[in-house]
């Protein structure tokens, strides 16, 4: 933890993020529980308010701009619950579910959600299996796998959901090129919805949307 005395409210204010007091309280409770669990299981490197806000909250706030009211959202490979938990707090209109194929992570995030006083479905299953059942509008993915691997996982499932929303770093351009070379983009459309600086670095993050060129019927 950062030795400098800090609060979530002040970290949010430094980065011009405005939330309701109840949402800040919920986020703070979640961050504290996540950090406690992180001492037992490596779930995040963002273990102070500054990193939590500039990495986890900022990414989630950018994502939520592109999600319509009432969507059913699956957080693929949720790890410690980002971005799914944060999305559920800042956008209570969404139906958010979390999944992770790693048993110990799924169990940990279920406990984190419960101890944070939240009610979110957590699945210890492969995202492909959940998507096959159907019902999701958007799959959100952050720091899980390269684009080519993601497109392989969901290549036969585009009739079961609408789109992928991805948080990526600068390597996304190379990942897109590789996907094109493999022919994976032939029936898909990739759009860069946003690009924003990664505080404290010279890098930028992007929000990418991948959806079929022909929408599902």
C-alpha atoms as a PDB file:
ATOM      1  CA  UNK A   1       0.000   0.000   0.000  1.00  0.00           C
ATOM      2  CA  UNK A   2       1.054   3.574  -0.645  1.00  0.00           C
ATOM      3  CA  UNK A   3       2.332   5.114   2.580  1.00  0.00           C
ATOM      4  CA  UNK A   4       0.804   8.483   1.617  1.00  0.00           C
ATOM      5  CA  UNK A   5      -2.534   8.973   3.338  1.00  0.00           C
ATOM      6  CA  UNK A   6      -5.154   8.947   0.632  1.00  0.00           C
ATOM      7  CA  UNK A   7      -8.853   8.310   0.172  1.00  0.00           C
ATOM      8  CA  UNK A   8     -10.893   7.023  -2.713  1.00  0.00           C
ATOM      9  CA  UNK A   9     -12.834  10.275  -2.849  1.00  0.00           C
ATOM     10  CA  UNK A  10      -9.678  12.353  -3.229  1.00  0.00           C
ATOM     11  CA  UNK A  11      -8.248   9.996  -5.868  1.00  0.00           C
ATOM     12  CA  UNK A  12     -11.472  10.207  -7.872  1.00  0.00           C
ATOM     13  CA  UNK A  13     -11.472  14.000  -7.560  1.00  0.00           C
ATOM     14  CA  UNK A  14      -7.873  14.217  -8.810  1.00  0.00           C
ATOM     15  CA  UNK A  15      -8.982  12.525 -12.010  1.00  0.00           C
ATOM     16  CA  UNK A  16     -12.258  14.405 -12.410  1.00  0.00           C
ATOM     17  CA  UNK A  17     -14.456  11.357 -11.828  1.00  0.00           C
ATOM     18  CA  UNK A  18     -17.791  12.240 -10.259  1.00  0.00           C
ATOM     19  CA  UNK A  19     -19.900   9.555  -8.614  1.00  0.00           C
ATOM     20  CA  UNK A  20     -22.704   9.456  -6.087  1.00  0.00           C
ATOM     21  CA  UNK A  21     -21.652   9.170  -2.443  1.00  0.00           C
ATOM     22  CA  UNK A  22     -23.239   5.721  -2.201  1.00  0.00           C
ATOM     23  CA  UNK A  23     -21.306   4.538  -5.255  1.00  0.00           C
ATOM     24  CA  UNK A  24     -18.031   5.795  -3.800  1.00  0.00           C
ATOM     25  CA  UNK A  25     -18.802   3.969  -0.561  1.00  0.00           C
ATOM     26  CA  UNK A  26     -19.526   0.751  -2.481  1.00  0.00           C
ATOM     27  CA  UNK A  27     -16.341   1.096  -4.551  1.00  0.00           C
ATOM     28  CA  UNK A  28     -14.298   1.733  -1.424  1.00  0.00           C
ATOM     29  CA  UNK A  29     -15.715  -1.337   0.300  1.00  0.00           C
ATOM     30  CA  UNK A  30     -14.971  -3.437  -2.783  1.00  0.00           C
ATOM     31  CA  UNK A  31     -11.389  -2.121  -3.042  1.00  0.00           C
ATOM     32  CA  UNK A  32     -10.694  -2.872   0.617  1.00  0.00           C
ATOM     33  CA  UNK A  33     -12.019  -6.434   0.355  1.00  0.00           C
ATOM     34  CA  UNK A  34     -10.153  -7.009  -2.919  1.00  0.00           C
ATOM     35  CA  UNK A  35      -6.874  -5.879  -1.337  1.00  0.00           C
ATOM     36  CA  UNK A  36      -7.426  -8.141   1.666  1.00  0.00           C
ATOM     37  CA  UNK A  37      -7.954 -11.126  -0.618  1.00  0.00           C
ATOM     38  CA  UNK A  38      -4.957 -10.081  -2.679  1.00  0.00           C
ATOM     39  CA  UNK A  39      -2.727 -10.895   0.276  1.00  0.00           C
ATOM     40  CA  UNK A  40      -3.799 -14.537  -0.066  1.00  0.00           C
ATOM     41  CA  UNK A  41      -4.174 -14.764  -3.835  1.00  0.00           C
ATOM     42  CA  UNK A  42      -2.538 -12.542  -6.431  1.00  0.00           C
ATOM     43  CA  UNK A  43      -5.542 -10.866  -8.043  1.00  0.00           C
ATOM     44  CA  UNK A  44      -4.366  -7.321  -8.738  1.00  0.00           C
ATOM     45  CA  UNK A  45      -1.285  -5.101  -8.795  1.00  0.00           C
ATOM     46  CA  UNK A  46      -3.374  -2.007  -8.169  1.00  0.00           C
ATOM     47  CA  UNK A  47      -3.254  -1.937  -4.393  1.00  0.00           C
ATOM     48  CA  UNK A  48      -3.579   1.762  -3.615  1.00  0.00           C
ATOM     49  CA  UNK A  49      -6.290   4.283  -4.433  1.00  0.00           C
ATOM     50  CA  UNK A  50      -4.273   6.046  -7.133  1.00  0.00           C
ATOM     51  CA  UNK A  51      -3.677   2.877  -9.141  1.00  0.00           C
ATOM     52  CA  UNK A  52      -7.176   1.577  -8.438  1.00  0.00           C
ATOM     53  CA  UNK A  53      -8.666   4.754  -9.876  1.00  0.00           C
ATOM     54  CA  UNK A  54      -6.277   5.338 -12.791  1.00  0.00           C
ATOM     55  CA  UNK A  55      -6.291   1.735 -13.955  1.00  0.00           C
ATOM     56  CA  UNK A  56      -9.449  -0.040 -12.791  1.00  0.00           C
ATOM     57  CA  UNK A  57     -11.993   2.741 -12.390  1.00  0.00           C
ATOM     58  CA  UNK A  58     -10.878   4.708 -15.457  1.00  0.00           C
ATOM     59  CA  UNK A  59     -11.073   1.638 -17.705  1.00  0.00           C
ATOM     60  CA  UNK A  60     -14.512   0.770 -16.343  1.00  0.00           C
ATOM     61  CA  UNK A  61     -15.822   4.321 -16.750  1.00  0.00           C
ATOM     62  CA  UNK A  62     -14.713   4.367 -20.372  1.00  0.00           C
ATOM     63  CA  UNK A  63     -16.355   1.020 -21.007  1.00  0.00           C
ATOM     64  CA  UNK A  64     -19.677   2.023 -19.496  1.00  0.00           C
ATOM     65  CA  UNK A  65     -20.029   4.925 -21.944  1.00  0.00           C
ATOM     66  CA  UNK A  66     -20.594   2.419 -24.727  1.00  0.00           C
ATOM     67  CA  UNK A  67     -23.051   0.094 -22.965  1.00  0.00           C
ATOM     68  CA  UNK A  68     -26.747   0.790 -23.411  1.00  0.00           C
ATOM     69  CA  UNK A  69     -29.217   0.859 -20.550  1.00  0.00           C
ATOM     70  CA  UNK A  70     -30.401  -2.527 -19.359  1.00  0.00           C
ATOM     71  CA  UNK A  71     -27.841  -4.613 -21.232  1.00  0.00           C
ATOM     72  CA  UNK A  72     -26.875  -8.030 -19.956  1.00  0.00           C
ATOM     73  CA  UNK A  73     -23.089  -8.009 -19.631  1.00  0.00           C
ATOM     74  CA  UNK A  74     -20.610 -10.835 -19.034  1.00  0.00           C
ATOM     75  CA  UNK A  75     -17.163 -10.013 -17.624  1.00  0.00           C
ATOM     76  CA  UNK A  76     -14.910 -12.611 -19.255  1.00  0.00           C
ATOM     77  CA  UNK A  77     -11.942 -13.735 -17.136  1.00  0.00           C
ATOM     78  CA  UNK A  78     -12.904 -11.388 -14.338  1.00  0.00           C
ATOM     79  CA  UNK A  79      -9.895 -12.137 -12.086  1.00  0.00           C
ATOM     80  CA  UNK A  80     -10.516  -9.964  -9.024  1.00  0.00           C
ATOM     81  CA  UNK A  81     -13.738  -8.520 -10.420  1.00  0.00           C
ATOM     82  CA  UNK A  82     -12.583  -5.770 -12.785  1.00  0.00           C
ATOM     83  CA  UNK A  83     -14.285  -4.389 -14.765  1.00  0.00           C
ATOM     84  CA  UNK A  84     -17.500  -6.254 -13.925  1.00  0.00           C
ATOM     85  CA  UNK A  85     -17.869  -5.287 -10.271  1.00  0.00           C
ATOM     86  CA  UNK A  86     -17.105  -1.629 -10.969  1.00  0.00           C
ATOM     87  CA  UNK A  87     -19.540  -1.571 -13.904  1.00  0.00           C
ATOM     88  CA  UNK A  88     -22.266  -2.974 -11.658  1.00  0.00           C
ATOM     89  CA  UNK A  89     -21.674  -0.194  -9.116  1.00  0.00           C
ATOM     90  CA  UNK A  90     -21.479   2.765 -11.503  1.00  0.00           C
ATOM     91  CA  UNK A  91     -24.251   1.395 -13.752  1.00  0.00           C
ATOM     92  CA  UNK A  92     -26.859  -0.316 -11.578  1.00  0.00           C
ATOM     93  CA  UNK A  93     -29.200  -0.513 -14.595  1.00  0.00           C
ATOM     94  CA  UNK A  94     -26.980  -3.215 -16.124  1.00  0.00           C
ATOM     95  CA  UNK A  95     -27.303  -6.960 -15.537  1.00  0.00           C
ATOM     96  CA  UNK A  96     -23.667  -7.861 -14.912  1.00  0.00           C
ATOM     97  CA  UNK A  97     -22.312 -11.372 -14.435  1.00  0.00           C
ATOM     98  CA  UNK A  98     -18.732 -12.459 -13.785  1.00  0.00           C
ATOM     99  CA  UNK A  99     -16.918 -15.571 -14.948  1.00  0.00           C
ATOM    100  CA  UNK A 100     -13.481 -17.097 -14.589  1.00  0.00           C
ATOM    101  CA  UNK A 101     -12.305 -20.533 -15.690  1.00  0.00           C
ATOM    102  CA  UNK A 102      -9.743 -20.671 -12.852  1.00  0.00           C
ATOM    103  CA  UNK A 103     -11.461 -22.216  -9.838  1.00  0.00           C
ATOM    104  CA  UNK A 104      -9.508 -20.399  -7.123  1.00  0.00           C
ATOM    105  CA  UNK A 105     -10.127 -17.027  -8.780  1.00  0.00           C
ATOM    106  CA  UNK A 106     -13.838 -17.689  -9.258  1.00  0.00           C
ATOM    107  CA  UNK A 107     -14.154 -18.743  -5.616  1.00  0.00           C
ATOM    108  CA  UNK A 108     -12.214 -15.696  -4.439  1.00  0.00           C
ATOM    109  CA  UNK A 109     -14.241 -13.219  -6.470  1.00  0.00           C
ATOM    110  CA  UNK A 110     -17.467 -14.815  -5.231  1.00  0.00           C
ATOM    111  CA  UNK A 111     -16.297 -14.168  -1.676  1.00  0.00           C
ATOM    112  CA  UNK A 112     -15.181 -10.644  -2.584  1.00  0.00           C
ATOM    113  CA  UNK A 113     -18.588  -9.874  -4.060  1.00  0.00           C
ATOM    114  CA  UNK A 114     -20.371 -11.285  -1.007  1.00  0.00           C
ATOM    115  CA  UNK A 115     -18.133  -9.517   1.512  1.00  0.00           C
ATOM    116  CA  UNK A 116     -18.561  -6.264  -0.418  1.00  0.00           C
ATOM    117  CA  UNK A 117     -22.309  -6.474   0.075  1.00  0.00           C
ATOM    118  CA  UNK A 118     -23.022  -6.879  -3.631  1.00  0.00           C
ATOM    119  CA  UNK A 119     -25.254  -9.315  -5.469  1.00  0.00           C
ATOM    120  CA  UNK A 120     -23.666 -10.458  -8.686  1.00  0.00           C
ATOM    121  CA  UNK A 121     -23.710 -13.902 -10.304  1.00  0.00           C
ATOM    122  CA  UNK A 122     -20.201 -15.404 -10.399  1.00  0.00           C
ATOM    123  CA  UNK A 123     -19.550 -18.421 -12.613  1.00  0.00           C
ATOM    124  CA  UNK A 124     -16.675 -20.875 -12.456  1.00  0.00           C
ATOM    125  CA  UNK A 125     -17.025 -21.774 -16.117  1.00  0.00           C
ATOM    126  CA  UNK A 126     -15.475 -21.094 -19.476  1.00  0.00           C
ATOM    127  CA  UNK A 127     -17.022 -18.021 -21.035  1.00  0.00           C
ATOM    128  CA  UNK A 128     -17.725 -19.990 -24.211  1.00  0.00           C
ATOM    129  CA  UNK A 129     -20.001 -22.356 -22.286  1.00  0.00           C
ATOM    130  CA  UNK A 130     -21.936 -19.485 -20.720  1.00  0.00           C
ATOM    131  CA  UNK A 131     -22.271 -17.638 -24.014  1.00  0.00           C
ATOM    132  CA  UNK A 132     -23.579 -20.759 -25.715  1.00  0.00           C
ATOM    133  CA  UNK A 133     -26.505 -20.761 -23.277  1.00  0.00           C
ATOM    134  CA  UNK A 134     -27.216 -17.278 -24.601  1.00  0.00           C
ATOM    135  CA  UNK A 135     -28.805 -14.096 -23.356  1.00  0.00           C
ATOM    136  CA  UNK A 136     -25.803 -11.742 -23.187  1.00  0.00           C
ATOM    137  CA  UNK A 137     -25.645  -8.510 -25.139  1.00  0.00           C
ATOM    138  CA  UNK A 138     -22.021  -7.574 -24.495  1.00  0.00           C
ATOM    139  CA  UNK A 139     -18.923  -9.455 -23.385  1.00  0.00           C
ATOM    140  CA  UNK A 140     -16.351  -7.191 -21.710  1.00  0.00           C
ATOM    141  CA  UNK A 141     -12.735  -8.316 -21.672  1.00  0.00           C
ATOM    142  CA  UNK A 142      -9.687  -6.735 -20.073  1.00  0.00           C
ATOM    143  CA  UNK A 143      -6.175  -8.207 -19.760  1.00  0.00           C
ATOM    144  CA  UNK A 144      -7.268 -11.755 -20.567  1.00  0.00           C
ATOM    145  CA  UNK A 145      -5.807 -12.813 -23.930  1.00  0.00           C
ATOM    146  CA  UNK A 146      -4.590 -11.534 -27.311  1.00  0.00           C
ATOM    147  CA  UNK A 147      -7.233 -10.693 -29.891  1.00  0.00           C
ATOM    148  CA  UNK A 148      -6.531 -13.779 -31.992  1.00  0.00           C
ATOM    149  CA  UNK A 149      -7.140 -16.075 -29.036  1.00  0.00           C
ATOM    150  CA  UNK A 150     -10.373 -14.294 -28.084  1.00  0.00           C
ATOM    151  CA  UNK A 151     -11.674 -14.536 -31.640  1.00  0.00           C
ATOM    152  CA  UNK A 152     -10.829 -18.241 -31.686  1.00  0.00           C
ATOM    153  CA  UNK A 153     -12.747 -18.843 -28.458  1.00  0.00           C
ATOM    154  CA  UNK A 154     -15.913 -17.167 -29.729  1.00  0.00           C
ATOM    155  CA  UNK A 155     -15.645 -17.908 -33.455  1.00  0.00           C
ATOM    156  CA  UNK A 156     -18.651 -20.246 -33.482  1.00  0.00           C
ATOM    157  CA  UNK A 157     -20.743 -18.269 -31.000  1.00  0.00           C
ATOM    158  CA  UNK A 158     -21.562 -14.974 -32.686  1.00  0.00           C
ATOM    159  CA  UNK A 159     -25.207 -15.973 -33.033  1.00  0.00           C
ATOM    160  CA  UNK A 160     -25.440 -16.055 -29.222  1.00  0.00           C
ATOM    161  CA  UNK A 161     -24.312 -12.519 -28.320  1.00  0.00           C
ATOM    162  CA  UNK A 162     -24.015  -9.084 -29.918  1.00  0.00           C
ATOM    163  CA  UNK A 163     -20.439  -7.905 -29.462  1.00  0.00           C
ATOM    164  CA  UNK A 164     -17.140  -7.864 -27.624  1.00  0.00           C
ATOM    165  CA  UNK A 165     -15.959  -4.716 -25.833  1.00  0.00           C
ATOM    166  CA  UNK A 166     -12.227  -4.898 -25.204  1.00  0.00           C
ATOM    167  CA  UNK A 167      -9.797  -2.796 -23.176  1.00  0.00           C
ATOM    168  CA  UNK A 168      -6.423  -2.930 -24.923  1.00  0.00           C
ATOM    169  CA  UNK A 169      -3.056  -1.209 -24.832  1.00  0.00           C
ATOM    170  CA  UNK A 170      -0.872  -0.041 -27.739  1.00  0.00           C
ATOM    171  CA  UNK A 171      -0.257  -3.613 -28.949  1.00  0.00           C
ATOM    172  CA  UNK A 172      -3.836  -3.741 -30.258  1.00  0.00           C
ATOM    173  CA  UNK A 173      -2.657  -2.642 -33.710  1.00  0.00           C
ATOM    174  CA  UNK A 174      -0.334  -5.647 -34.022  1.00  0.00           C
ATOM    175  CA  UNK A 175      -3.037  -7.928 -32.630  1.00  0.00           C
ATOM    176  CA  UNK A 176      -5.489  -6.680 -35.258  1.00  0.00           C
ATOM    177  CA  UNK A 177      -2.943  -7.243 -38.013  1.00  0.00           C
ATOM    178  CA  UNK A 178      -2.358 -10.823 -36.857  1.00  0.00           C
ATOM    179  CA  UNK A 179      -6.114 -11.479 -36.730  1.00  0.00           C
ATOM    180  CA  UNK A 180      -6.461 -10.153 -40.268  1.00  0.00           C
ATOM    181  CA  UNK A 181      -3.595 -12.327 -41.488  1.00  0.00           C
ATOM    182  CA  UNK A 182      -5.324 -15.368 -40.009  1.00  0.00           C
ATOM    183  CA  UNK A 183      -8.578 -14.478 -41.752  1.00  0.00           C
ATOM    184  CA  UNK A 184     -10.402 -14.013 -38.463  1.00  0.00           C
ATOM    185  CA  UNK A 185     -11.745 -10.565 -39.359  1.00  0.00           C
ATOM    186  CA  UNK A 186     -13.391 -11.593 -42.627  1.00  0.00           C
ATOM    187  CA  UNK A 187     -16.909 -11.620 -41.168  1.00  0.00           C
ATOM    188  CA  UNK A 188     -16.249  -9.202 -38.303  1.00  0.00           C
ATOM    189  CA  UNK A 189     -15.986  -5.444 -37.904  1.00  0.00           C
ATOM    190  CA  UNK A 190     -13.493  -3.971 -35.417  1.00  0.00           C
ATOM    191  CA  UNK A 191     -13.976  -0.354 -34.330  1.00  0.00           C
ATOM    192  CA  UNK A 192     -11.855   1.781 -32.027  1.00  0.00           C
ATOM    193  CA  UNK A 193     -14.447   3.544 -29.886  1.00  0.00           C
ATOM    194  CA  UNK A 194     -12.097   5.524 -27.650  1.00  0.00           C
ATOM    195  CA  UNK A 195      -8.449   6.188 -26.878  1.00  0.00           C
ATOM    196  CA  UNK A 196      -7.297   7.722 -23.614  1.00  0.00           C
ATOM    197  CA  UNK A 197      -3.962   8.253 -21.837  1.00  0.00           C
ATOM    198  CA  UNK A 198      -2.726   5.831 -19.216  1.00  0.00           C
ATOM    199  CA  UNK A 199      -1.888   8.187 -16.312  1.00  0.00           C
ATOM    200  CA  UNK A 200       1.752   8.213 -15.305  1.00  0.00           C
ATOM    201  CA  UNK A 201       2.942   6.653 -18.564  1.00  0.00           C
ATOM    202  CA  UNK A 202       3.521   7.596 -22.188  1.00  0.00           C
ATOM    203  CA  UNK A 203       1.062   4.901 -23.289  1.00  0.00           C
ATOM    204  CA  UNK A 204      -2.610   4.993 -24.139  1.00  0.00           C
ATOM    205  CA  UNK A 205      -5.438   2.522 -23.712  1.00  0.00           C
ATOM    206  CA  UNK A 206      -8.231   1.920 -26.202  1.00  0.00           C
ATOM    207  CA  UNK A 207     -11.768   0.597 -26.140  1.00  0.00           C
ATOM    208  CA  UNK A 208     -12.361  -1.734 -29.084  1.00  0.00           C
ATOM    209  CA  UNK A 209     -15.661  -3.116 -30.283  1.00  0.00           C
ATOM    210  CA  UNK A 210     -15.849  -6.311 -32.315  1.00  0.00           C
ATOM    211  CA  UNK A 211     -19.143  -7.377 -33.824  1.00  0.00           C
ATOM    212  CA  UNK A 212     -20.310  -9.333 -36.871  1.00  0.00           C
ATOM    213  CA  UNK A 213     -20.655  -7.431 -40.122  1.00  0.00           C
ATOM    214  CA  UNK A 214     -24.100  -8.992 -40.391  1.00  0.00           C
ATOM    215  CA  UNK A 215     -26.038  -8.658 -37.099  1.00  0.00           C
ATOM    216  CA  UNK A 216     -27.625 -11.750 -35.653  1.00  0.00           C
ATOM    217  CA  UNK A 217     -31.272 -12.227 -36.509  1.00  0.00           C
END
